[in-house]
Amino acid sequence: MLSLYEVRKPGGDWLRLWAKNSRDAKRRYCKMFGLRPSDPWTGISYLTARRVKEERPCSEH
């Protein structure tokens, strides 16, 4: 089952994605922006992902 996640890089805006878990959300983010997931500077370890529990605008964080 897919859940809604917000993913961002440090200092960036949150992007909402449907994914199985936070790692999958980060992988999908990398794929969308042409990043290599294994890259330590721009890949999965560089990103932040969190599951959205309720519907609210991204700007209210």
Protein backbone atom coordinates (compact mmCIF):
# COMPACT_ATOMS: atom_id res chain seq x y z
CA MET A 1 0.00 0.00 0.00
CA LEU A 2 1.31 3.42 -0.91
CA SER A 3 1.49 6.33 1.53
CA LEU A 4 2.02 10.01 0.88
CA TYR A 5 5.55 11.27 1.66
CA GLU A 6 7.20 14.67 1.53
CA VAL A 7 10.79 14.63 0.28
CA ARG A 8 13.31 17.45 0.06
CA LYS A 9 16.99 18.17 -0.16
CA PRO A 10 18.54 20.43 2.52
CA GLY A 11 17.29 23.98 2.10
CA GLY A 12 14.85 22.97 -0.63
CA ASP A 13 11.08 22.86 -0.90
CA TRP A 14 9.04 19.80 0.05
CA LEU A 15 7.78 17.63 -2.82
CA ARG A 16 4.93 15.18 -2.20
CA LEU A 17 5.23 11.65 -3.60
CA TRP A 18 3.31 8.41 -3.21
CA ALA A 19 5.65 5.62 -2.10
CA LYS A 20 5.86 2.35 -0.12
CA ASN A 21 8.25 3.81 2.47
CA SER A 22 10.65 6.73 2.96
CA ARG A 23 13.48 5.00 1.09
CA ASP A 24 11.20 4.39 -1.90
CA ALA A 25 10.10 8.05 -1.76
CA LYS A 26 13.73 9.18 -1.88
CA ARG A 27 14.43 6.84 -4.83
CA ARG A 28 11.44 8.24 -6.73
CA TYR A 29 12.67 11.78 -6.03
CA CYS A 30 16.11 10.89 -7.41
CA LYS A 31 14.54 9.36 -10.51
CA MET A 32 12.38 12.45 -11.14
CA PHE A 33 15.37 14.79 -11.01
CA GLY A 34 17.94 12.52 -12.68
CA LEU A 35 20.01 12.00 -9.53
CA ARG A 36 21.99 8.87 -8.68
CA PRO A 37 20.54 7.30 -5.49
CA SER A 38 23.98 5.97 -4.48
CA ASP A 39 25.73 9.36 -4.70
CA PRO A 40 26.65 10.49 -1.15
CA TRP A 41 26.31 14.19 -2.07
CA THR A 42 23.01 14.16 -4.00
CA GLY A 43 21.52 10.71 -3.41
CA ILE A 44 19.32 9.03 -0.82
CA SER A 45 21.50 9.83 2.20
CA TYR A 46 21.39 13.54 1.27
CA LEU A 47 17.56 13.71 1.17
CA THR A 48 14.95 13.96 3.92
CA ALA A 49 11.61 12.15 3.70
CA ARG A 50 8.64 12.10 6.05
CA ARG A 51 5.22 10.53 5.85
CA VAL A 52 2.24 12.87 5.68
CA LYS A 53 -0.38 11.86 8.24
CA GLU A 54 -3.00 14.46 7.40
CA GLU A 55 -3.77 16.69 4.46
CA ARG A 56 -2.32 20.17 4.84
CA PRO A 57 -0.52 22.59 2.54
CA CYS A 58 3.27 22.12 2.31
CA SER A 59 3.85 25.75 3.36
CA GLU A 60 2.44 25.21 6.89
CA HIS A 61 5.49 23.36 8.25
